[in-house]
C-alpha atoms as a PDB file:
ATOM      1  CA  UNK A   1      78.637 151.936  -1.232  1.00  0.00           C
ATOM      2  CA  UNK A   2      76.843 148.649   0.008  1.00  0.00           C
ATOM      3  CA  UNK A   3      74.716 147.138  -2.528  1.00  0.00           C
ATOM      4  CA  UNK A   4      72.904 143.848  -1.916  1.00  0.00           C
ATOM      5  CA  UNK A   5      73.588 141.266  -3.954  1.00  0.00           C
ATOM      6  CA  UNK A   6      71.613 138.504  -2.303  1.00  0.00           C
ATOM      7  CA  UNK A   7      68.777 137.779  -5.042  1.00  0.00           C
ATOM      8  CA  UNK A   8      71.257 136.960  -7.785  1.00  0.00           C
ATOM      9  CA  UNK A   9      72.635 134.194  -6.110  1.00  0.00           C
ATOM     10  CA  UNK A  10      69.163 132.491  -5.196  1.00  0.00           C
ATOM     11  CA  UNK A  11      66.508 131.708  -7.132  1.00  0.00           C
ATOM     12  CA  UNK A  12      63.483 133.267  -6.066  1.00  0.00           C
ATOM     13  CA  UNK A  13      60.876 130.256  -7.655  1.00  0.00           C
ATOM     14  CA  UNK A  14      63.084 127.098  -6.162  1.00  0.00           C
ATOM     15  CA  UNK A  15      61.647 124.425  -4.921  1.00  0.00           C
ATOM     16  CA  UNK A  16      63.264 122.717  -2.020  1.00  0.00           C
ATOM     17  CA  UNK A  17      64.221 119.096  -2.410  1.00  0.00           C
ATOM     18  CA  UNK A  18      61.968 117.611  -0.903  1.00  0.00           C
ATOM     19  CA  UNK A  19      59.222 118.960  -2.682  1.00  0.00           C
ATOM     20  CA  UNK A  20      61.183 117.622  -5.983  1.00  0.00           C
ATOM     21  CA  UNK A  21      60.211 114.545  -8.049  1.00  0.00           C
ATOM     22  CA  UNK A  22      63.891 112.992  -6.827  1.00  0.00           C
ATOM     23  CA  UNK A  23      63.278 113.873  -3.746  1.00  0.00           C
ATOM     24  CA  UNK A  24      59.821 112.484  -2.675  1.00  0.00           C
ATOM     25  CA  UNK A  25      61.731 109.510  -4.368  1.00  0.00           C
ATOM     26  CA  UNK A  26      64.256 109.577  -1.820  1.00  0.00           C
ATOM     27  CA  UNK A  27      62.336 109.979   0.505  1.00  0.00           C
ATOM     28  CA  UNK A  28      60.506 106.688   0.163  1.00  0.00           C
ATOM     29  CA  UNK A  29      62.874 104.864   0.259  1.00  0.00           C
ATOM     30  CA  UNK A  30      64.969 106.217   3.381  1.00  0.00           C
ATOM     31  CA  UNK A  31      61.946 105.211   4.905  1.00  0.00           C
ATOM     32  CA  UNK A  32      61.509 102.006   3.063  1.00  0.00           C
ATOM     33  CA  UNK A  33      65.062 101.089   4.762  1.00  0.00           C
ATOM     34  CA  UNK A  34      64.274 102.650   8.094  1.00  0.00           C
ATOM     35  CA  UNK A  35      61.133 100.334   8.011  1.00  0.00           C
ATOM     36  CA  UNK A  36      63.694  97.633   7.910  1.00  0.00           C
ATOM     37  CA  UNK A  37      66.557  98.455   9.710  1.00  0.00           C
ATOM     38  CA  UNK A  38      64.315  98.757  12.609  1.00  0.00           C
ATOM     39  CA  UNK A  39      62.152  95.934  12.315  1.00  0.00           C
ATOM     40  CA  UNK A  40      65.186  93.546  12.167  1.00  0.00           C
ATOM     41  CA  UNK A  41      67.644  95.539  15.014  1.00  0.00           C
ATOM     42  CA  UNK A  42      64.803  96.545  17.084  1.00  0.00           C
ATOM     43  CA  UNK A  43      66.302  94.227  20.129  1.00  0.00           C
ATOM     44  CA  UNK A  44      69.665  96.591  19.767  1.00  0.00           C
ATOM     45  CA  UNK A  45      67.730  99.894  19.484  1.00  0.00           C
ATOM     46  CA  UNK A  46      65.110  99.289  22.266  1.00  0.00           C
ATOM     47  CA  UNK A  47      69.024  98.340  24.489  1.00  0.00           C
ATOM     48  CA  UNK A  48      70.444 101.485  23.695  1.00  0.00           C
ATOM     49  CA  UNK A  49      68.037 104.275  22.476  1.00  0.00           C
ATOM     50  CA  UNK A  50      69.902 106.481  25.133  1.00  0.00           C
ATOM     51  CA  UNK A  51      72.960 105.967  23.042  1.00  0.00           C
ATOM     52  CA  UNK A  52      71.181 106.769  20.310  1.00  0.00           C
ATOM     53  CA  UNK A  53      69.919 110.323  21.574  1.00  0.00           C
ATOM     54  CA  UNK A  54      72.934 111.230  22.410  1.00  0.00           C
ATOM     55  CA  UNK A  55      74.496 110.784  19.577  1.00  0.00           C
ATOM     56  CA  UNK A  56      71.673 112.750  17.574  1.00  0.00           C
ATOM     57  CA  UNK A  57      72.087 115.725  19.512  1.00  0.00           C
ATOM     58  CA  UNK A  58      76.086 116.409  18.416  1.00  0.00           C
ATOM     59  CA  UNK A  59      75.426 115.046  14.443  1.00  0.00           C
ATOM     60  CA  UNK A  60      71.944 118.038  14.888  1.00  0.00           C
ATOM     61  CA  UNK A  61      73.803 120.635  15.582  1.00  0.00           C
ATOM     62  CA  UNK A  62      76.838 119.591  13.145  1.00  0.00           C
ATOM     63  CA  UNK A  63      73.852 119.695  10.147  1.00  0.00           C
ATOM     64  CA  UNK A  64      71.550 122.206  11.279  1.00  0.00           C
ATOM     65  CA  UNK A  65      73.818 125.269  11.585  1.00  0.00           C
ATOM     66  CA  UNK A  66      73.939 125.458   7.689  1.00  0.00           C
ATOM     67  CA  UNK A  67      70.556 127.239   7.626  1.00  0.00           C
ATOM     68  CA  UNK A  68      71.461 130.661   9.604  1.00  0.00           C
ATOM     69  CA  UNK A  69      75.083 130.628   8.632  1.00  0.00           C
ATOM     70  CA  UNK A  70      77.256 129.055  11.636  1.00  0.00           C
ATOM     71  CA  UNK A  71      78.803 131.132  14.520  1.00  0.00           C
ATOM     72  CA  UNK A  72      80.039 133.692  14.414  1.00  0.00           C
ATOM     73  CA  UNK A  73      77.401 135.353  12.121  1.00  0.00           C
ATOM     74  CA  UNK A  74      75.202 136.383  14.919  1.00  0.00           C
ATOM     75  CA  UNK A  75      76.907 139.517  15.385  1.00  0.00           C
ATOM     76  CA  UNK A  76      76.659 141.431  11.970  1.00  0.00           C
ATOM     77  CA  UNK A  77      75.217 144.741  12.651  1.00  0.00           C
ATOM     78  CA  UNK A  78      78.173 145.479  14.856  1.00  0.00           C
ATOM     79  CA  UNK A  79      80.202 145.381  11.444  1.00  0.00           C
ATOM     80  CA  UNK A  80      77.652 147.655  10.071  1.00  0.00           C
ATOM     81  CA  UNK A  81      77.945 150.598  12.556  1.00  0.00           C
ATOM     82  CA  UNK A  82      81.659 150.393  12.218  1.00  0.00           C
ATOM     83  CA  UNK A  83      81.523 150.961   8.674  1.00  0.00           C
ATOM     84  CA  UNK A  84      79.330 154.041   9.202  1.00  0.00           C
ATOM     85  CA  UNK A  85      81.610 155.933  11.616  1.00  0.00           C
ATOM     86  CA  UNK A  86      84.627 155.767   9.155  1.00  0.00           C
END
């Protein structure tokens, strides 16, 4: 007996956080903070930009795996086939 209860846990009409008024306000303040950070520390960023790119790779890897369930969730079809055989 295989029931898909995914629709019970996720509302259909939920907006992404960046489209809410709180999200737009946060993005605005982060943009202003980034502008002043780059403006004041532009000389340091210019000299060390390659390290910032290398630092961005593992950070993107860690934070972006939340979208597809992380490692190990790619072969769910194999488990379903084994359940059908039993």
